[in-house]
Protein backbone atom coordinates (compact mmCIF):
# COMPACT_ATOMS: atom_id res chain seq x y z
CA MET A 1 192.96 152.30 63.50
CA SER A 2 190.59 152.02 60.54
CA ARG A 3 192.19 149.42 58.29
CA LEU A 4 188.78 147.87 57.60
CA LYS A 5 186.68 151.00 57.29
CA GLY A 6 183.77 150.44 54.92
CA GLN A 7 183.85 146.67 55.34
CA ALA A 8 180.76 144.70 56.36
CA VAL A 9 181.51 141.80 58.69
CA VAL A 10 179.23 139.04 59.98
CA VAL A 11 180.28 137.12 63.09
CA THR A 12 178.27 134.06 64.13
CA GLY A 13 178.57 133.22 67.81
CA GLY A 14 179.57 136.84 68.33
CA GLY A 15 177.70 137.28 71.59
CA GLY A 16 180.35 135.84 73.89
CA GLY A 17 183.79 134.34 74.32
CA ILE A 18 186.12 134.39 71.34
CA GLY A 19 183.33 135.52 69.03
CA ARG A 20 182.67 138.65 71.06
CA ALA A 21 186.38 139.51 71.07
CA ILE A 22 186.45 139.06 67.29
CA ALA A 23 183.42 141.30 66.75
CA ARG A 24 184.99 143.96 68.94
CA ALA A 25 188.34 143.75 67.13
CA PHE A 26 186.74 144.21 63.71
CA ALA A 27 184.74 147.19 64.96
CA ALA A 28 187.93 148.73 66.36
CA GLU A 29 189.36 148.57 62.84
CA GLY A 30 186.44 150.58 61.47
CA ALA A 31 184.32 147.71 60.12
CA SER A 32 180.55 147.59 60.44
CA VAL A 33 179.81 144.42 62.37
CA ILE A 34 176.70 142.25 62.40
CA VAL A 35 176.74 140.17 65.56
CA GLY A 36 174.75 136.97 65.32
CA ASP A 37 174.01 134.78 68.33
CA LEU A 38 171.30 133.24 70.48
CA GLY A 39 169.20 135.03 73.08
CA ASP A 40 170.17 138.53 74.18
CA SER A 41 173.93 138.01 73.96
CA ALA A 42 174.19 139.42 70.43
CA GLU A 43 172.52 142.71 71.39
CA ALA A 44 174.67 142.99 74.53
CA ALA A 45 177.84 142.56 72.45
CA ALA A 46 176.66 145.01 69.79
CA ALA A 47 175.68 147.58 72.43
CA ALA A 48 179.13 147.30 74.02
CA ILE A 49 180.76 147.93 70.64
CA ARG A 50 178.56 150.98 70.03
CA ALA A 51 179.41 152.30 73.50
CA GLU A 52 183.07 152.20 72.45
CA GLY A 53 182.31 154.20 69.32
CA GLY A 54 182.10 151.28 66.92
CA ARG A 55 179.40 150.31 64.43
CA ALA A 56 177.46 147.15 65.22
CA VAL A 57 173.98 145.71 64.95
CA ALA A 58 172.70 142.50 66.48
CA ALA A 59 170.61 139.67 65.11
CA ARG A 60 169.27 136.64 66.90
CA ALA A 61 170.69 133.83 64.83
CA ASP A 62 170.82 130.08 65.35
CA VAL A 63 173.41 128.30 63.18
CA THR A 64 171.25 125.18 63.15
CA ARG A 65 168.66 127.11 61.12
CA ALA A 66 169.54 127.83 57.49
CA GLU A 67 166.93 130.59 57.37
CA ASP A 68 168.69 132.42 60.20
CA MET A 69 171.98 132.31 58.32
CA ARG A 70 170.34 133.60 55.16
CA ALA A 71 168.81 136.39 57.22
CA LEU A 72 172.28 137.43 58.48
CA ALA A 73 173.62 137.64 54.93
CA ALA A 74 170.52 139.54 53.81
CA LEU A 75 170.94 141.99 56.68
CA ALA A 76 174.50 142.72 55.59
CA GLU A 77 173.34 143.40 52.04
CA ARG A 78 170.39 145.51 53.17
CA GLU A 79 172.39 147.61 55.62
CA HIS A 80 175.67 147.88 53.73
CA GLY A 81 175.13 146.64 50.18
CA GLN A 82 177.90 144.10 50.60
CA LEU A 83 179.30 141.29 52.74
CA ASP A 84 183.07 141.40 52.95
CA VAL A 85 183.95 139.10 55.84
CA LEU A 86 182.29 136.12 57.48
CA VAL A 87 183.67 134.70 60.72
CA THR A 88 182.04 131.47 61.89
CA CYS A 89 182.53 131.33 65.63
CA ALA A 90 179.41 129.62 67.00
CA GLY A 91 180.45 126.49 68.86
CA LEU A 92 179.38 123.81 71.32
CA GLY A 93 181.39 121.52 73.58
CA LEU A 94 179.37 118.84 75.45
CA SER A 95 182.28 116.68 76.54
CA GLY A 96 181.93 112.94 76.95
CA LEU A 97 183.35 109.56 75.96
CA LEU A 98 182.30 108.25 72.57
CA ALA A 99 181.34 104.87 74.04
CA THR A 100 178.95 106.37 76.59
CA GLN A 101 177.97 109.86 75.41
CA ASP A 102 174.32 110.29 74.59
CA GLU A 103 173.81 110.22 70.83
CA ALA A 104 171.79 113.44 70.97
CA ASP A 105 174.76 115.26 72.52
CA TRP A 106 177.12 113.94 69.85
CA LEU A 107 174.78 115.03 67.08
CA SER A 108 174.25 118.45 68.68
CA VAL A 109 177.99 119.15 68.64
CA ILE A 110 178.28 118.15 64.98
CA GLU A 111 175.13 120.11 64.11
CA VAL A 112 176.42 123.36 65.62
CA ASN A 113 180.17 123.18 65.00
CA LEU A 114 180.34 121.59 61.56
CA ASN A 115 176.90 121.92 59.98
CA GLY A 116 176.49 125.41 61.46
CA THR A 117 179.73 126.46 59.80
CA TYR A 118 178.46 125.03 56.50
CA ARG A 119 175.13 126.89 56.78
CA ALA A 120 176.76 130.24 57.53
CA ILE A 121 179.17 129.87 54.63
CA ARG A 122 176.47 128.67 52.25
CA ALA A 123 174.38 131.75 53.06
CA ALA A 124 177.26 134.19 52.57
CA LEU A 125 178.66 132.72 49.36
CA PRO A 126 176.13 134.10 46.84
CA THR A 127 176.93 137.69 47.84
CA MET A 128 180.68 137.12 47.90
CA MET A 129 180.60 135.32 44.55
CA ALA A 130 178.60 138.15 43.00
CA GLN A 131 181.18 140.61 44.36
CA GLY A 132 184.08 138.42 43.28
CA SER A 133 185.66 138.99 46.68
CA GLY A 134 185.33 138.09 50.34
CA ARG A 135 187.08 136.63 53.34
CA ILE A 136 185.78 133.60 55.20
CA VAL A 137 187.37 132.79 58.54
CA THR A 138 186.30 129.64 60.34
CA ILE A 139 187.10 129.02 63.98
CA ALA A 140 188.35 125.46 64.34
CA SER A 141 190.70 124.24 67.09
CA VAL A 142 194.10 122.63 67.52
CA LEU A 143 192.00 119.57 68.44
CA GLY A 144 191.02 119.55 64.77
CA LYS A 145 194.59 118.46 64.07
CA MET A 146 194.94 115.74 66.69
CA GLY A 147 192.92 113.13 68.56
CA GLY A 148 192.56 114.93 71.86
CA PHE A 149 192.93 113.19 75.21
CA GLY A 150 189.53 111.68 75.82
CA TYR A 151 186.10 113.14 76.56
CA VAL A 152 186.19 115.34 73.45
CA SER A 153 185.44 112.89 70.61
CA ALA A 154 182.47 114.79 69.19
CA TYR A 155 184.24 118.12 69.45
CA VAL A 156 187.41 116.74 67.85
CA ALA A 157 185.43 115.19 65.00
CA SER A 158 183.55 118.43 64.38
CA LYS A 159 186.71 120.54 64.29
CA HIS A 160 188.48 118.15 61.93
CA GLY A 161 185.43 118.69 59.74
CA VAL A 162 185.69 122.48 60.00
CA ILE A 163 189.31 122.35 58.82
CA GLY A 164 188.25 119.99 56.05
CA ILE A 165 185.48 122.23 54.74
CA THR A 166 187.82 125.23 54.95
CA ARG A 167 190.45 123.58 52.76
CA ALA A 168 187.95 122.02 50.36
CA LEU A 169 186.13 125.32 49.84
CA ALA A 170 189.36 127.26 49.27
CA ALA A 171 190.28 124.82 46.50
CA GLU A 172 186.75 124.78 45.10
CA LEU A 173 186.45 128.55 44.87
CA GLY A 174 189.79 128.88 43.11
CA SER A 175 188.92 126.17 40.62
CA GLN A 176 185.54 127.78 39.89
CA GLY A 177 186.97 131.19 39.11
CA TYR A 178 186.70 132.98 42.46
CA PRO A 179 190.31 133.54 43.57
CA GLY A 180 189.30 136.76 45.33
CA ILE A 181 187.45 134.82 48.03
CA THR A 182 189.82 133.38 50.63
CA VAL A 183 188.89 130.74 53.18
CA ASN A 184 191.04 130.09 56.25
CA ALA A 185 190.67 128.48 59.66
CA ILE A 186 192.01 129.65 62.99
CA CYS A 187 192.89 126.85 65.40
CA PRO A 188 192.98 128.18 68.96
CA GLY A 189 194.59 126.27 71.77
CA TYR A 190 193.22 126.49 75.31
CA THR A 191 191.80 130.02 75.44
CA ARG A 192 190.64 132.01 78.44
CA ALA A 193 187.07 132.42 77.20
CA GLY A 194 183.91 130.46 76.51
CA MET A 195 184.47 126.72 76.31
CA GLY A 196 188.11 127.19 77.25
CA ILE A 197 187.12 128.04 80.82
CA ALA A 198 183.83 126.12 81.07
CA VAL A 199 183.47 123.04 83.26
CA GLN A 200 184.27 119.86 81.35
CA SER A 201 184.15 116.13 82.04
CA THR A 202 187.42 114.40 82.91
CA LYS A 203 188.41 111.02 84.33
CA ALA A 204 188.80 112.74 87.69
CA GLY A 205 185.35 114.33 87.46
CA PRO A 206 184.16 117.78 86.35
CA ARG A 207 186.91 120.38 86.11
CA SER A 208 187.06 123.94 84.80
CA GLY A 209 188.97 124.54 81.60
CA GLU A 210 191.57 126.58 83.46
CA GLU A 211 192.15 123.77 85.94
CA ILE A 212 192.41 121.22 83.14
CA PHE A 213 194.98 123.39 81.38
CA GLU A 214 197.06 123.89 84.53
CA ARG A 215 196.97 120.22 85.50
CA TYR A 216 197.31 118.45 82.16
CA TYR A 217 198.41 120.74 79.34
CA LYS A 218 200.50 123.64 80.59
CA ARG A 219 203.75 121.69 80.59
CA GLN A 220 203.16 120.77 76.93
CA VAL A 221 202.78 124.41 75.83
CA PRO A 222 206.11 126.16 75.23
CA GLN A 223 204.70 129.53 76.28
CA ARG A 224 203.25 127.95 79.46
CA ARG A 225 200.03 129.96 79.28
CA MET A 226 196.51 129.96 77.94
CA MET A 227 195.69 132.13 74.98
CA GLU A 228 193.62 135.28 75.41
CA PRO A 229 190.54 135.78 73.18
CA GLU A 230 191.97 139.04 71.88
CA GLU A 231 194.91 137.13 70.41
CA ILE A 232 192.56 134.97 68.37
CA ALA A 233 190.66 138.09 67.32
CA GLN A 234 193.75 139.81 65.94
CA VAL A 235 194.52 136.83 63.73
CA ALA A 236 190.96 136.98 62.38
CA VAL A 237 191.46 140.67 61.59
CA PHE A 238 194.75 139.91 59.84
CA LEU A 239 193.04 137.35 57.61
CA ALA A 240 190.66 140.09 56.45
CA LEU A 241 193.38 142.59 55.55
CA PRO A 242 194.81 143.16 52.06
CA GLU A 243 198.18 141.92 53.34
CA SER A 244 196.76 138.40 53.74
CA ALA A 245 195.30 138.15 50.22
CA GLY A 246 197.69 135.33 49.30
CA ILE A 247 196.67 133.14 52.23
CA THR A 248 193.89 130.63 51.63
CA GLY A 249 193.11 127.05 52.59
CA GLN A 250 195.22 127.36 55.72
CA ALA A 251 194.58 126.33 59.32
CA LEU A 252 196.58 128.67 61.54
CA ASN A 253 197.39 127.60 65.10
CA VAL A 254 197.18 130.22 67.86
CA ASP A 255 198.11 128.06 70.82
CA GLY A 256 201.40 129.09 72.37
CA GLY A 257 203.22 126.35 70.47
CA PHE A 258 201.11 123.45 71.74
CA VAL A 259 200.64 121.94 68.27
CA MET A 260 203.44 122.69 65.82
CA SER A 261 201.94 121.96 62.41
């Protein structure tokens, strides 16, 4: 399919996990993708997309550095003359209890998940505002709509913030005369990728995400399964299509029915 042919898409955190699946899905729809991430993961993801016949370039990009985010937006303009879609997927877990977690870990989670989302959006907005159009898709979490179950306080706080900035910006852009720029969040449930399968702290000791899901959450999910990263990716693609032009300021759950709101 080529429903997004001619579109320029930037994906932060696109080197692995959900972000990599999103970058791949956009490329499969004909978009030109700029994959931003740390280390060599961005180039590996971009190379895999090119091997499948897609268009992708990589950029080493740290969401804690505003200059890196500006460089991503500039790359889109230089290579394609436009920036149509931004997906903010860079994220950090670092589980722990609020009462005992090291302050540096707490601040790191907020810095990447919330402030990193802000920096990426701030860098992309001038181009989108000049165009009068654009799609911004933030990756939040169903934990951004609830309190979690312990050991995820920093993560929960950061994802509540991501949903908050998504809604606030959607309202702000409309009120300032930019209705053609939509801003929406995707809220994945437990997903078989990245942090969803990484080892996390629990009361019973370190456990993999898959084990945590099977032991504690599966019975609460109507579909009785983890989500696949490709399912999150297809929702991101939908939010970039003309058919979703009337959707903005929303936080869409993709979680098998775990959180029904």
